[in-house]
Amino acid sequence: MLKELFRYVLPKELVDFFDLVNLQEQADVLHLYLDECNIVPEEYSGLYLLPNGFYESSTLKGFDYLKTKS
């Protein structure tokens, strides 16, 4: 069910090629932990590809907003 919800928030490529493995909320920030799936995109299916591992974790910032005074 979470995957369906994240289809509305995240780019399609993230939902299709990554698995959500953890979710944490800290100080009004939602941290999503994703693992890349070993799936070859259709447009590259005719090529002989070898996986070469994954990069260390990285942080992507988005959806910044300014809090207004009440």
N, C-alpha and C. Protein backbone atom coordinates (compact mmCIF):
# COMPACT_ATOMS: atom_id res chain seq x y z
N MET A 1 0.82 -1.19 0.00
CA MET A 1 0.00 0.00 0.00
C MET A 1 0.86 1.26 0.00
N LEU A 2 1.98 1.23 0.75
CA LEU A 2 2.87 2.40 0.75
C LEU A 2 3.42 2.69 -0.64
N LYS A 3 3.74 1.63 -1.39
CA LYS A 3 4.27 1.82 -2.73
C LYS A 3 3.26 2.56 -3.60
N GLU A 4 2.00 2.25 -3.46
CA GLU A 4 0.97 2.95 -4.23
C GLU A 4 0.89 4.42 -3.83
N LEU A 5 1.02 4.70 -2.55
CA LEU A 5 1.00 6.08 -2.07
C LEU A 5 2.19 6.86 -2.61
N PHE A 6 3.37 6.25 -2.61
CA PHE A 6 4.57 6.95 -3.05
C PHE A 6 4.57 7.20 -4.55
N ARG A 7 3.74 6.50 -5.31
CA ARG A 7 3.60 6.80 -6.74
C ARG A 7 3.10 8.22 -6.97
N TYR A 8 2.40 8.77 -6.01
CA TYR A 8 1.88 10.14 -6.12
C TYR A 8 2.91 11.19 -5.70
N VAL A 9 3.95 10.76 -4.99
CA VAL A 9 4.92 11.70 -4.43
C VAL A 9 6.27 11.64 -5.14
N LEU A 10 6.72 10.43 -5.46
CA LEU A 10 8.05 10.23 -6.04
C LEU A 10 7.97 10.09 -7.55
N PRO A 11 9.06 10.39 -8.25
CA PRO A 11 9.09 10.16 -9.69
C PRO A 11 8.89 8.67 -10.00
N LYS A 12 8.25 8.39 -11.13
CA LYS A 12 7.94 7.02 -11.54
C LYS A 12 9.18 6.12 -11.53
N GLU A 13 10.32 6.63 -11.98
CA GLU A 13 11.53 5.83 -12.04
C GLU A 13 11.98 5.35 -10.66
N LEU A 14 11.79 6.17 -9.65
CA LEU A 14 12.16 5.75 -8.29
C LEU A 14 11.25 4.63 -7.81
N VAL A 15 9.98 4.75 -8.08
CA VAL A 15 9.03 3.72 -7.63
C VAL A 15 9.25 2.42 -8.39
N ASP A 16 9.55 2.51 -9.69
CA ASP A 16 9.71 1.32 -10.52
C ASP A 16 11.02 0.58 -10.28
N PHE A 17 12.08 1.30 -9.98
CA PHE A 17 13.41 0.68 -9.93
C PHE A 17 14.03 0.65 -8.54
N PHE A 18 13.28 1.08 -7.52
CA PHE A 18 13.78 1.06 -6.14
C PHE A 18 12.71 0.49 -5.22
N ASP A 19 13.15 -0.20 -4.18
CA ASP A 19 12.25 -0.69 -3.13
C ASP A 19 12.38 0.20 -1.90
N LEU A 20 11.26 0.55 -1.31
CA LEU A 20 11.26 1.29 -0.05
C LEU A 20 11.55 0.30 1.06
N VAL A 21 12.67 0.49 1.76
CA VAL A 21 13.07 -0.46 2.80
C VAL A 21 12.92 0.07 4.22
N ASN A 22 12.80 1.39 4.34
CA ASN A 22 12.63 1.96 5.67
C ASN A 22 12.04 3.35 5.52
N LEU A 23 11.40 3.79 6.58
CA LEU A 23 10.75 5.09 6.61
C LEU A 23 10.89 5.61 8.04
N GLN A 24 11.44 6.82 8.18
CA GLN A 24 11.61 7.41 9.51
C GLN A 24 11.22 8.87 9.47
N GLU A 25 10.62 9.34 10.54
CA GLU A 25 10.28 10.75 10.68
C GLU A 25 11.11 11.32 11.82
N GLN A 26 11.84 12.39 11.52
CA GLN A 26 12.67 13.04 12.53
C GLN A 26 12.51 14.55 12.39
N ALA A 27 12.07 15.19 13.42
CA ALA A 27 11.96 16.66 13.46
C ALA A 27 11.26 17.19 12.21
N ASP A 28 10.07 16.70 11.94
CA ASP A 28 9.26 17.15 10.81
C ASP A 28 9.89 16.88 9.45
N VAL A 29 10.83 15.94 9.39
CA VAL A 29 11.45 15.53 8.12
C VAL A 29 11.18 14.05 7.93
N LEU A 30 10.73 13.68 6.74
CA LEU A 30 10.46 12.29 6.43
C LEU A 30 11.65 11.73 5.67
N HIS A 31 12.28 10.69 6.22
CA HIS A 31 13.44 10.05 5.59
C HIS A 31 12.97 8.75 4.94
N LEU A 32 13.19 8.64 3.63
CA LEU A 32 12.86 7.43 2.88
C LEU A 32 14.16 6.71 2.56
N TYR A 33 14.21 5.43 2.84
CA TYR A 33 15.39 4.62 2.56
C TYR A 33 15.03 3.67 1.42
N LEU A 34 15.77 3.78 0.33
CA LEU A 34 15.47 3.02 -0.88
C LEU A 34 16.65 2.13 -1.25
N ASP A 35 16.35 0.94 -1.74
CA ASP A 35 17.36 0.05 -2.30
C ASP A 35 17.06 -0.12 -3.78
N GLU A 36 18.10 -0.02 -4.60
CA GLU A 36 17.92 -0.16 -6.03
C GLU A 36 17.68 -1.63 -6.39
N CYS A 37 16.68 -1.88 -7.22
CA CYS A 37 16.39 -3.23 -7.69
C CYS A 37 17.33 -3.56 -8.85
N ASN A 38 17.59 -4.83 -9.04
CA ASN A 38 18.44 -5.28 -10.13
C ASN A 38 17.56 -5.52 -11.36
N ILE A 39 16.99 -4.44 -11.90
CA ILE A 39 16.09 -4.51 -13.05
C ILE A 39 16.70 -3.69 -14.18
N VAL A 40 16.77 -4.29 -15.35
CA VAL A 40 17.28 -3.59 -16.53
C VAL A 40 16.11 -2.88 -17.19
N PRO A 41 16.20 -1.56 -17.39
CA PRO A 41 15.13 -0.86 -18.09
C PRO A 41 14.89 -1.44 -19.49
N GLU A 42 13.66 -1.44 -19.92
CA GLU A 42 13.28 -2.06 -21.19
C GLU A 42 14.11 -1.57 -22.37
N GLU A 43 14.42 -0.30 -22.41
CA GLU A 43 15.17 0.25 -23.54
C GLU A 43 16.61 -0.26 -23.61
N TYR A 44 17.08 -0.88 -22.53
CA TYR A 44 18.43 -1.45 -22.51
C TYR A 44 18.42 -2.98 -22.49
N SER A 45 17.27 -3.59 -22.68
CA SER A 45 17.15 -5.04 -22.55
C SER A 45 17.95 -5.81 -23.59
N GLY A 46 18.26 -5.22 -24.74
CA GLY A 46 19.03 -5.89 -25.77
C GLY A 46 20.53 -5.84 -25.55
N LEU A 47 20.97 -5.12 -24.55
CA LEU A 47 22.40 -4.99 -24.27
C LEU A 47 22.84 -5.99 -23.21
N TYR A 48 24.10 -6.40 -23.29
CA TYR A 48 24.66 -7.26 -22.26
C TYR A 48 25.21 -6.37 -21.15
N LEU A 49 24.52 -6.34 -20.03
CA LEU A 49 24.90 -5.46 -18.93
C LEU A 49 25.32 -6.29 -17.72
N LEU A 50 26.35 -5.81 -17.05
CA LEU A 50 26.80 -6.44 -15.81
C LEU A 50 26.64 -5.46 -14.67
N PRO A 51 26.01 -5.88 -13.56
CA PRO A 51 25.93 -4.98 -12.42
C PRO A 51 27.32 -4.77 -11.83
N ASN A 52 27.60 -3.54 -11.42
CA ASN A 52 28.92 -3.26 -10.85
C ASN A 52 28.80 -2.71 -9.43
N GLY A 53 27.73 -3.06 -8.76
CA GLY A 53 27.56 -2.62 -7.38
C GLY A 53 26.82 -1.31 -7.31
N PHE A 54 26.63 -0.84 -6.12
CA PHE A 54 25.87 0.38 -5.90
C PHE A 54 26.73 1.38 -5.14
N TYR A 55 26.36 2.62 -5.27
CA TYR A 55 27.05 3.69 -4.56
C TYR A 55 26.62 3.72 -3.10
N GLU A 56 27.40 4.40 -2.30
CA GLU A 56 27.03 4.62 -0.91
C GLU A 56 25.74 5.44 -0.87
N SER A 57 25.09 5.46 0.27
CA SER A 57 23.83 6.20 0.38
C SER A 57 24.06 7.68 0.14
N SER A 58 23.03 8.34 -0.34
CA SER A 58 23.11 9.77 -0.61
C SER A 58 21.83 10.44 -0.13
N THR A 59 21.89 11.74 0.02
CA THR A 59 20.75 12.51 0.48
C THR A 59 20.24 13.39 -0.65
N LEU A 60 18.95 13.32 -0.88
CA LEU A 60 18.30 14.17 -1.86
C LEU A 60 17.35 15.08 -1.10
N LYS A 61 17.45 16.35 -1.36
CA LYS A 61 16.55 17.28 -0.68
C LYS A 61 15.51 17.77 -1.68
N GLY A 62 14.30 17.89 -1.20
CA GLY A 62 13.23 18.38 -2.06
C GLY A 62 12.06 18.81 -1.21
N PHE A 63 11.14 19.43 -1.85
CA PHE A 63 9.92 19.87 -1.19
C PHE A 63 10.19 20.82 -0.04
N ASP A 64 11.18 21.71 -0.22
CA ASP A 64 11.45 22.70 0.82
C ASP A 64 10.30 23.69 0.89
N TYR A 65 10.01 24.15 2.05
CA TYR A 65 8.97 25.13 2.23
C TYR A 65 9.33 26.05 3.38
N LEU A 66 8.71 27.18 3.42
CA LEU A 66 8.92 28.13 4.51
C LEU A 66 7.72 28.04 5.45
N LYS A 67 8.01 27.94 6.72
CA LYS A 67 6.93 27.92 7.70
C LYS A 67 6.51 29.38 7.93
N THR A 68 5.24 29.59 7.98
CA THR A 68 4.74 30.94 8.23
C THR A 68 4.32 31.04 9.69
N LYS A 69 4.37 32.26 10.18
CA LYS A 69 3.95 32.49 11.56
C LYS A 69 2.44 32.44 11.64
N SER A 70 1.95 31.86 12.72
CA SER A 70 0.50 31.75 12.92
C SER A 70 -0.04 33.01 13.54
